[in-house]
């Protein structure tokens, strides 16, 4: 099944926010006293969580290891999987 335009756009937003979180993590590892960057990290972490919750409500599970619930029947085998987009 081909992902919808809306699904792809939301996934792109998630990827952009998560990329920024990775970069800020690397920066904060060497600049742990940068208060402004810590605030930005926390804001983006909240945004990432909200976007992922929105994605899951609309398109199904996204996160593994107990961070995402499955509908009935088990929905993890429904394509496309997040890593296939």
PDB file of N, CA and C in Angstrom:
ATOM      1  N   UNK A   1       0.839  -1.181   0.000  1.00  0.00           N
ATOM      2  CA  UNK A   1       0.000   0.000   0.000  1.00  0.00           C
ATOM      3  C   UNK A   1       0.887   1.249   0.000  1.00  0.00           C
ATOM      4  N   UNK A   2       0.606   2.156  -0.878  1.00  0.00           N
ATOM      5  CA  UNK A   2       1.386   3.384  -1.007  1.00  0.00           C
ATOM      6  C   UNK A   2       0.925   4.397   0.045  1.00  0.00           C
ATOM      7  N   UNK A   3       1.889   5.043   0.746  1.00  0.00           N
ATOM      8  CA  UNK A   3       1.509   6.035   1.753  1.00  0.00           C
ATOM      9  C   UNK A   3       0.870   7.266   1.106  1.00  0.00           C
ATOM     10  N   UNK A   4      -0.068   7.859   1.831  1.00  0.00           N
ATOM     11  CA  UNK A   4      -0.736   9.061   1.333  1.00  0.00           C
ATOM     12  C   UNK A   4       0.211  10.258   1.424  1.00  0.00           C
ATOM     13  N   UNK A   5      -0.151  11.323   0.731  1.00  0.00           N
ATOM     14  CA  UNK A   5       0.640  12.559   0.771  1.00  0.00           C
ATOM     15  C   UNK A   5       0.702  13.097   2.202  1.00  0.00           C
ATOM     16  N   UNK A   6      -0.416  13.041   2.908  1.00  0.00           N
ATOM     17  CA  UNK A   6      -0.471  13.519   4.288  1.00  0.00           C
ATOM     18  C   UNK A   6       0.440  12.682   5.192  1.00  0.00           C
ATOM     19  N   UNK A   7       0.449  11.363   4.981  1.00  0.00           N
ATOM     20  CA  UNK A   7       1.301  10.487   5.769  1.00  0.00           C
ATOM     21  C   UNK A   7       2.775  10.799   5.527  1.00  0.00           C
ATOM     22  N   UNK A   8       3.134  11.003   4.282  1.00  0.00           N
ATOM     23  CA  UNK A   8       4.521  11.328   3.947  1.00  0.00           C
ATOM     24  C   UNK A   8       4.942  12.677   4.532  1.00  0.00           C
ATOM     25  N   UNK A   9       4.043  13.658   4.484  1.00  0.00           N
ATOM     26  CA  UNK A   9       4.356  14.981   5.033  1.00  0.00           C
ATOM     27  C   UNK A   9       4.568  14.921   6.543  1.00  0.00           C
ATOM     28  N   UNK A  10       3.713  14.173   7.219  1.00  0.00           N
ATOM     29  CA  UNK A  10       3.853  14.053   8.665  1.00  0.00           C
ATOM     30  C   UNK A  10       5.137  13.311   9.028  1.00  0.00           C
ATOM     31  N   UNK A  11       5.458  12.260   8.271  1.00  0.00           N
ATOM     32  CA  UNK A  11       6.698  11.535   8.513  1.00  0.00           C
ATOM     33  C   UNK A  11       7.909  12.441   8.290  1.00  0.00           C
ATOM     34  N   UNK A  12       7.849  13.296   7.282  1.00  0.00           N
ATOM     35  CA  UNK A  12       8.950  14.226   7.027  1.00  0.00           C
ATOM     36  C   UNK A  12       9.117  15.208   8.183  1.00  0.00           C
ATOM     37  N   UNK A  13       8.005  15.692   8.736  1.00  0.00           N
ATOM     38  CA  UNK A  13       8.080  16.590   9.890  1.00  0.00           C
ATOM     39  C   UNK A  13       8.745  15.880  11.073  1.00  0.00           C
ATOM     40  N   UNK A  14       8.358  14.639  11.312  1.00  0.00           N
ATOM     41  CA  UNK A  14       8.946  13.861  12.400  1.00  0.00           C
ATOM     42  C   UNK A  14      10.447  13.710  12.186  1.00  0.00           C
ATOM     43  N   UNK A  15      10.836  13.394  10.976  1.00  0.00           N
ATOM     44  CA  UNK A  15      12.253  13.204  10.676  1.00  0.00           C
ATOM     45  C   UNK A  15      13.044  14.498  10.850  1.00  0.00           C
ATOM     46  N   UNK A  16      12.462  15.620  10.462  1.00  0.00           N
ATOM     47  CA  UNK A  16      13.150  16.901  10.615  1.00  0.00           C
ATOM     48  C   UNK A  16      13.363  17.246  12.084  1.00  0.00           C
ATOM     49  N   UNK A  17      12.325  17.074  12.886  1.00  0.00           N
ATOM     50  CA  UNK A  17      12.428  17.382  14.313  1.00  0.00           C
ATOM     51  C   UNK A  17      13.415  16.431  14.985  1.00  0.00           C
ATOM     52  N   UNK A  18      13.335  15.152  14.654  1.00  0.00           N
ATOM     53  CA  UNK A  18      14.247  14.184  15.267  1.00  0.00           C
ATOM     54  C   UNK A  18      15.703  14.420  14.837  1.00  0.00           C
ATOM     55  N   UNK A  19      15.915  14.861  13.611  1.00  0.00           N
ATOM     56  CA  UNK A  19      17.263  15.208  13.165  1.00  0.00           C
ATOM     57  C   UNK A  19      17.815  16.362  14.002  1.00  0.00           C
ATOM     58  N   UNK A  20      16.981  17.381  14.206  1.00  0.00           N
ATOM     59  CA  UNK A  20      17.405  18.521  15.023  1.00  0.00           C
ATOM     60  C   UNK A  20      17.713  18.076  16.453  1.00  0.00           C
ATOM     61  N   UNK A  21      16.949  17.121  16.976  1.00  0.00           N
ATOM     62  CA  UNK A  21      17.221  16.602  18.319  1.00  0.00           C
ATOM     63  C   UNK A  21      18.568  15.885  18.388  1.00  0.00           C
ATOM     64  N   UNK A  22      18.895  15.124  17.361  1.00  0.00           N
ATOM     65  CA  UNK A  22      20.196  14.443  17.323  1.00  0.00           C
ATOM     66  C   UNK A  22      21.313  15.485  17.306  1.00  0.00           C
ATOM     67  N   UNK A  23      21.173  16.488  16.477  1.00  0.00           N
ATOM     68  CA  UNK A  23      22.206  17.527  16.388  1.00  0.00           C
ATOM     69  C   UNK A  23      22.355  18.290  17.701  1.00  0.00           C
ATOM     70  N   UNK A  24      21.230  18.622  18.323  1.00  0.00           N
ATOM     71  CA  UNK A  24      21.302  19.323  19.607  1.00  0.00           C
ATOM     72  C   UNK A  24      21.913  18.440  20.688  1.00  0.00           C
ATOM     73  N   UNK A  25      21.631  17.151  20.651  1.00  0.00           N
ATOM     74  CA  UNK A  25      22.235  16.233  21.614  1.00  0.00           C
ATOM     75  C   UNK A  25      23.752  16.252  21.483  1.00  0.00           C
ATOM     76  N   UNK A  26      24.236  16.186  20.263  1.00  0.00           N
ATOM     77  CA  UNK A  26      25.683  16.221  20.030  1.00  0.00           C
ATOM     78  C   UNK A  26      26.278  17.542  20.510  1.00  0.00           C
ATOM     79  N   UNK A  27      25.607  18.631  20.216  1.00  0.00           N
ATOM     80  CA  UNK A  27      26.080  19.951  20.653  1.00  0.00           C
ATOM     81  C   UNK A  27      26.103  20.040  22.174  1.00  0.00           C
ATOM     82  N   UNK A  28      25.022  19.586  22.815  1.00  0.00           N
ATOM     83  CA  UNK A  28      24.926  19.699  24.269  1.00  0.00           C
ATOM     84  C   UNK A  28      25.905  18.779  24.995  1.00  0.00           C
ATOM     85  N   UNK A  29      26.354  17.725  24.322  1.00  0.00           N
ATOM     86  CA  UNK A  29      27.386  16.884  24.915  1.00  0.00           C
ATOM     87  C   UNK A  29      28.678  17.672  25.156  1.00  0.00           C
ATOM     88  N   UNK A  30      28.921  18.668  24.327  1.00  0.00           N
ATOM     89  CA  UNK A  30      30.138  19.474  24.471  1.00  0.00           C
ATOM     90  C   UNK A  30      29.861  20.870  25.034  1.00  0.00           C
ATOM     91  N   UNK A  31      28.590  21.238  25.154  1.00  0.00           N
ATOM     92  CA  UNK A  31      28.204  22.546  25.688  1.00  0.00           C
ATOM     93  C   UNK A  31      27.056  22.370  26.693  1.00  0.00           C
ATOM     94  N   UNK A  32      27.293  21.632  27.779  1.00  0.00           N
ATOM     95  CA  UNK A  32      26.204  21.273  28.693  1.00  0.00           C
ATOM     96  C   UNK A  32      25.604  22.444  29.473  1.00  0.00           C
ATOM     97  N   UNK A  33      26.238  23.601  29.435  1.00  0.00           N
ATOM     98  CA  UNK A  33      25.739  24.765  30.167  1.00  0.00           C
ATOM     99  C   UNK A  33      24.940  25.729  29.279  1.00  0.00           C
ATOM    100  N   UNK A  34      24.708  25.369  28.020  1.00  0.00           N
ATOM    101  CA  UNK A  34      23.995  26.261  27.090  1.00  0.00           C
ATOM    102  C   UNK A  34      22.489  26.177  27.351  1.00  0.00           C
ATOM    103  N   UNK A  35      22.033  27.078  28.190  1.00  0.00           N
ATOM    104  CA  UNK A  35      20.635  27.073  28.639  1.00  0.00           C
ATOM    105  C   UNK A  35      19.655  27.206  27.476  1.00  0.00           C
ATOM    106  N   UNK A  36      19.946  28.075  26.538  1.00  0.00           N
ATOM    107  CA  UNK A  36      19.056  28.291  25.393  1.00  0.00           C
ATOM    108  C   UNK A  36      18.915  27.016  24.561  1.00  0.00           C
ATOM    109  N   UNK A  37      20.009  26.305  24.359  1.00  0.00           N
ATOM    110  CA  UNK A  37      19.958  25.062  23.583  1.00  0.00           C
ATOM    111  C   UNK A  37      19.210  23.967  24.331  1.00  0.00           C
ATOM    112  N   UNK A  38      19.331  23.960  25.649  1.00  0.00           N
ATOM    113  CA  UNK A  38      18.575  22.999  26.445  1.00  0.00           C
ATOM    114  C   UNK A  38      17.083  23.271  26.322  1.00  0.00           C
ATOM    115  N   UNK A  39      16.714  24.535  26.363  1.00  0.00           N
ATOM    116  CA  UNK A  39      15.304  24.896  26.175  1.00  0.00           C
ATOM    117  C   UNK A  39      14.813  24.469  24.792  1.00  0.00           C
ATOM    118  N   UNK A  40      15.624  24.707  23.776  1.00  0.00           N
ATOM    119  CA  UNK A  40      15.257  24.319  22.419  1.00  0.00           C
ATOM    120  C   UNK A  40      15.125  22.793  22.319  1.00  0.00           C
ATOM    121  N   UNK A  41      16.051  22.070  22.950  1.00  0.00           N
ATOM    122  CA  UNK A  41      15.985  20.610  22.954  1.00  0.00           C
ATOM    123  C   UNK A  41      14.669  20.139  23.577  1.00  0.00           C
ATOM    124  N   UNK A  42      14.320  20.699  24.719  1.00  0.00           N
ATOM    125  CA  UNK A  42      13.094  20.288  25.404  1.00  0.00           C
ATOM    126  C   UNK A  42      11.849  20.613  24.590  1.00  0.00           C
ATOM    127  N   UNK A  43      11.858  21.750  23.918  1.00  0.00           N
ATOM    128  CA  UNK A  43      10.732  22.129  23.068  1.00  0.00           C
ATOM    129  C   UNK A  43      10.603  21.155  21.898  1.00  0.00           C
ATOM    130  N   UNK A  44      11.714  20.823  21.270  1.00  0.00           N
ATOM    131  CA  UNK A  44      11.680  19.895  20.142  1.00  0.00           C
ATOM    132  C   UNK A  44      11.320  18.474  20.587  1.00  0.00           C
ATOM    133  N   UNK A  45      11.766  18.074  21.780  1.00  0.00           N
ATOM    134  CA  UNK A  45      11.403  16.758  22.303  1.00  0.00           C
ATOM    135  C   UNK A  45       9.892  16.658  22.492  1.00  0.00           C
ATOM    136  N   UNK A  46       9.295  17.720  22.990  1.00  0.00           N
ATOM    137  CA  UNK A  46       7.841  17.761  23.152  1.00  0.00           C
ATOM    138  C   UNK A  46       7.143  17.731  21.798  1.00  0.00           C
ATOM    139  N   UNK A  47       7.657  18.494  20.849  1.00  0.00           N
ATOM    140  CA  UNK A  47       7.088  18.521  19.502  1.00  0.00           C
ATOM    141  C   UNK A  47       7.199  17.145  18.843  1.00  0.00           C
ATOM    142  N   UNK A  48       8.319  16.470  19.020  1.00  0.00           N
ATOM    143  CA  UNK A  48       8.517  15.142  18.454  1.00  0.00           C
ATOM    144  C   UNK A  48       7.486  14.161  19.003  1.00  0.00           C
ATOM    145  N   UNK A  49       7.278  14.212  20.292  1.00  0.00           N
ATOM    146  CA  UNK A  49       6.303  13.326  20.928  1.00  0.00           C
ATOM    147  C   UNK A  49       4.896  13.592  20.394  1.00  0.00           C
ATOM    148  N   UNK A  50       4.536  14.863  20.256  1.00  0.00           N
ATOM    149  CA  UNK A  50       3.212  15.225  19.746  1.00  0.00           C
ATOM    150  C   UNK A  50       3.026  14.758  18.297  1.00  0.00           C
ATOM    151  N   UNK A  51       4.048  14.971  17.467  1.00  0.00           N
ATOM    152  CA  UNK A  51       3.956  14.552  16.067  1.00  0.00           C
ATOM    153  C   UNK A  51       3.832  13.035  15.956  1.00  0.00           C
ATOM    154  N   UNK A  52       4.573  12.315  16.773  1.00  0.00           N
ATOM    155  CA  UNK A  52       4.517  10.852  16.740  1.00  0.00           C
ATOM    156  C   UNK A  52       3.163  10.343  17.225  1.00  0.00           C
ATOM    157  N   UNK A  53       2.614  10.985  18.247  1.00  0.00           N
ATOM    158  CA  UNK A  53       1.274  10.605  18.701  1.00  0.00           C
ATOM    159  C   UNK A  53       0.240  10.865  17.612  1.00  0.00           C
ATOM    160  N   UNK A  54       0.358  12.007  16.931  1.00  0.00           N
ATOM    161  CA  UNK A  54      -0.554  12.327  15.835  1.00  0.00           C
ATOM    162  C   UNK A  54      -0.430  11.297  14.720  1.00  0.00           C
ATOM    163  N   UNK A  55       0.807  10.944  14.363  1.00  0.00           N
ATOM    164  CA  UNK A  55       1.035   9.954  13.308  1.00  0.00           C
ATOM    165  C   UNK A  55       0.371   8.632  13.676  1.00  0.00           C
ATOM    166  N   UNK A  56       0.565   8.199  14.911  1.00  0.00           N
ATOM    167  CA  UNK A  56       0.021   6.911  15.335  1.00  0.00           C
ATOM    168  C   UNK A  56      -1.502   6.911  15.353  1.00  0.00           C
ATOM    169  N   UNK A  57      -2.101   8.016  15.735  1.00  0.00           N
ATOM    170  CA  UNK A  57      -3.564   8.103  15.730  1.00  0.00           C
ATOM    171  C   UNK A  57      -4.118   8.004  14.319  1.00  0.00           C
ATOM    172  N   UNK A  58      -3.405   8.559  13.358  1.00  0.00           N
ATOM    173  CA  UNK A  58      -3.896   8.579  11.982  1.00  0.00           C
ATOM    174  C   UNK A  58      -3.470   7.369  11.173  1.00  0.00           C
ATOM    175  N   UNK A  59      -2.253   6.857  11.413  1.00  0.00           N
ATOM    176  CA  UNK A  59      -1.690   5.872  10.486  1.00  0.00           C
ATOM    177  C   UNK A  59      -1.228   4.564  11.130  1.00  0.00           C
ATOM    178  N   UNK A  60      -1.245   4.469  12.445  1.00  0.00           N
ATOM    179  CA  UNK A  60      -0.848   3.232  13.092  1.00  0.00           C
ATOM    180  C   UNK A  60       0.464   3.358  13.837  1.00  0.00           C
ATOM    181  N   UNK A  61       0.916   2.250  14.425  1.00  0.00           N
ATOM    182  CA  UNK A  61       2.085   2.286  15.294  1.00  0.00           C
ATOM    183  C   UNK A  61       3.351   2.737  14.587  1.00  0.00           C
ATOM    184  N   UNK A  62       4.172   3.438  15.342  1.00  0.00           N
ATOM    185  CA  UNK A  62       5.403   4.009  14.812  1.00  0.00           C
ATOM    186  C   UNK A  62       6.615   3.593  15.635  1.00  0.00           C
ATOM    187  N   UNK A  63       6.445   3.510  16.940  1.00  0.00           N
ATOM    188  CA  UNK A  63       7.553   3.239  17.852  1.00  0.00           C
ATOM    189  C   UNK A  63       7.455   1.822  18.401  1.00  0.00           C
ATOM    190  N   UNK A  64       8.572   1.180  18.563  1.00  0.00           N
ATOM    191  CA  UNK A  64       8.636  -0.193  19.036  1.00  0.00           C
ATOM    192  C   UNK A  64       9.001  -0.245  20.515  1.00  0.00           C
ATOM    193  N   UNK A  65       9.108  -1.409  21.054  1.00  0.00           N
ATOM    194  CA  UNK A  65       9.537  -1.672  22.424  1.00  0.00           C
ATOM    195  C   UNK A  65       8.588  -1.086  23.458  1.00  0.00           C
ATOM    196  N   UNK A  66       7.292  -1.196  23.177  1.00  0.00           N
ATOM    197  CA  UNK A  66       6.295  -0.791  24.156  1.00  0.00           C
ATOM    198  C   UNK A  66       5.946   0.676  24.172  1.00  0.00           C
ATOM    199  N   UNK A  67       6.527   1.463  23.286  1.00  0.00           N
ATOM    200  CA  UNK A  67       6.202   2.890  23.253  1.00  0.00           C
ATOM    201  C   UNK A  67       4.981   3.174  22.389  1.00  0.00           C
ATOM    202  N   UNK A  68       4.507   2.186  21.645  1.00  0.00           N
ATOM    203  CA  UNK A  68       3.324   2.346  20.812  1.00  0.00           C
ATOM    204  C   UNK A  68       2.360   1.210  21.091  1.00  0.00           C
ATOM    205  N   UNK A  69       1.096   1.528  21.083  1.00  0.00           N
ATOM    206  CA  UNK A  69       0.065   0.520  21.257  1.00  0.00           C
ATOM    207  C   UNK A  69      -0.379   0.012  19.898  1.00  0.00           C
ATOM    208  N   UNK A  70      -0.913  -1.174  19.889  1.00  0.00           N
ATOM    209  CA  UNK A  70      -1.439  -1.751  18.659  1.00  0.00           C
ATOM    210  C   UNK A  70      -2.947  -1.827  18.756  1.00  0.00           C
ATOM    211  N   UNK A  71      -3.603  -1.574  17.655  1.00  0.00           N
ATOM    212  CA  UNK A  71      -5.043  -1.798  17.609  1.00  0.00           C
ATOM    213  C   UNK A  71      -5.287  -3.293  17.461  1.00  0.00           C
ATOM    214  N   UNK A  72      -6.535  -3.698  17.533  1.00  0.00           N
ATOM    215  CA  UNK A  72      -6.880  -5.099  17.317  1.00  0.00           C
ATOM    216  C   UNK A  72      -7.467  -5.234  15.920  1.00  0.00           C
ATOM    217  N   UNK A  73      -7.043  -6.149  15.122  1.00  0.00           N
ATOM    218  CA  UNK A  73      -5.989  -7.117  15.378  1.00  0.00           C
ATOM    219  C   UNK A  73      -4.614  -6.460  15.311  1.00  0.00           C
ATOM    220  N   UNK A  74      -3.589  -7.229  15.677  1.00  0.00           N
ATOM    221  CA  UNK A  74      -2.203  -6.759  15.681  1.00  0.00           C
ATOM    222  C   UNK A  74      -1.914  -5.996  14.402  1.00  0.00           C
ATOM    223  N   UNK A  75      -1.446  -4.765  14.515  1.00  0.00           N
ATOM    224  CA  UNK A  75      -1.326  -3.905  13.327  1.00  0.00           C
ATOM    225  C   UNK A  75       0.106  -3.636  12.893  1.00  0.00           C
ATOM    226  N   UNK A  76       1.071  -4.277  13.541  1.00  0.00           N
ATOM    227  CA  UNK A  76       2.458  -4.030  13.152  1.00  0.00           C
ATOM    228  C   UNK A  76       2.802  -4.608  11.787  1.00  0.00           C
ATOM    229  N   UNK A  77       2.020  -5.517  11.297  1.00  0.00           N
ATOM    230  CA  UNK A  77       2.333  -6.102   9.993  1.00  0.00           C
ATOM    231  C   UNK A  77       1.678  -5.353   8.839  1.00  0.00           C
ATOM    232  N   UNK A  78       1.008  -4.236   9.117  1.00  0.00           N
ATOM    233  CA  UNK A  78       0.396  -3.432   8.064  1.00  0.00           C
ATOM    234  C   UNK A  78       1.444  -2.531   7.421  1.00  0.00           C
ATOM    235  N   UNK A  79       1.547  -2.581   6.128  1.00  0.00           N
ATOM    236  CA  UNK A  79       2.508  -1.750   5.396  1.00  0.00           C
ATOM    237  C   UNK A  79       1.833  -0.442   4.985  1.00  0.00           C
ATOM    238  N   UNK A  80       2.557   0.602   4.690  1.00  0.00           N
ATOM    239  CA  UNK A  80       4.014   0.676   4.750  1.00  0.00           C
ATOM    240  C   UNK A  80       4.483   0.896   6.173  1.00  0.00           C
ATOM    241  N   UNK A  81       5.605   0.306   6.515  1.00  0.00           N
ATOM    242  CA  UNK A  81       6.218   0.521   7.813  1.00  0.00           C
ATOM    243  C   UNK A  81       6.981   1.838   7.770  1.00  0.00           C
ATOM    244  N   UNK A  82       7.176   2.475   8.915  1.00  0.00           N
ATOM    245  CA  UNK A  82       7.845   3.787   8.917  1.00  0.00           C
ATOM    246  C   UNK A  82       9.181   3.797   8.190  1.00  0.00           C
ATOM    247  N   UNK A  83       9.947   2.736   8.272  1.00  0.00           N
ATOM    248  CA  UNK A  83      11.258   2.709   7.628  1.00  0.00           C
ATOM    249  C   UNK A  83      11.163   2.419   6.140  1.00  0.00           C
ATOM    250  N   UNK A  84       9.956   2.174   5.617  1.00  0.00           N
ATOM    251  CA  UNK A  84       9.770   1.946   4.192  1.00  0.00           C
ATOM    252  C   UNK A  84       9.398   3.217   3.436  1.00  0.00           C
ATOM    253  N   UNK A  85       9.247   4.308   4.143  1.00  0.00           N
ATOM    254  CA  UNK A  85       8.834   5.548   3.471  1.00  0.00           C
ATOM    255  C   UNK A  85      10.022   6.411   3.168  1.00  0.00           C
TER     256      UNK A  85
END
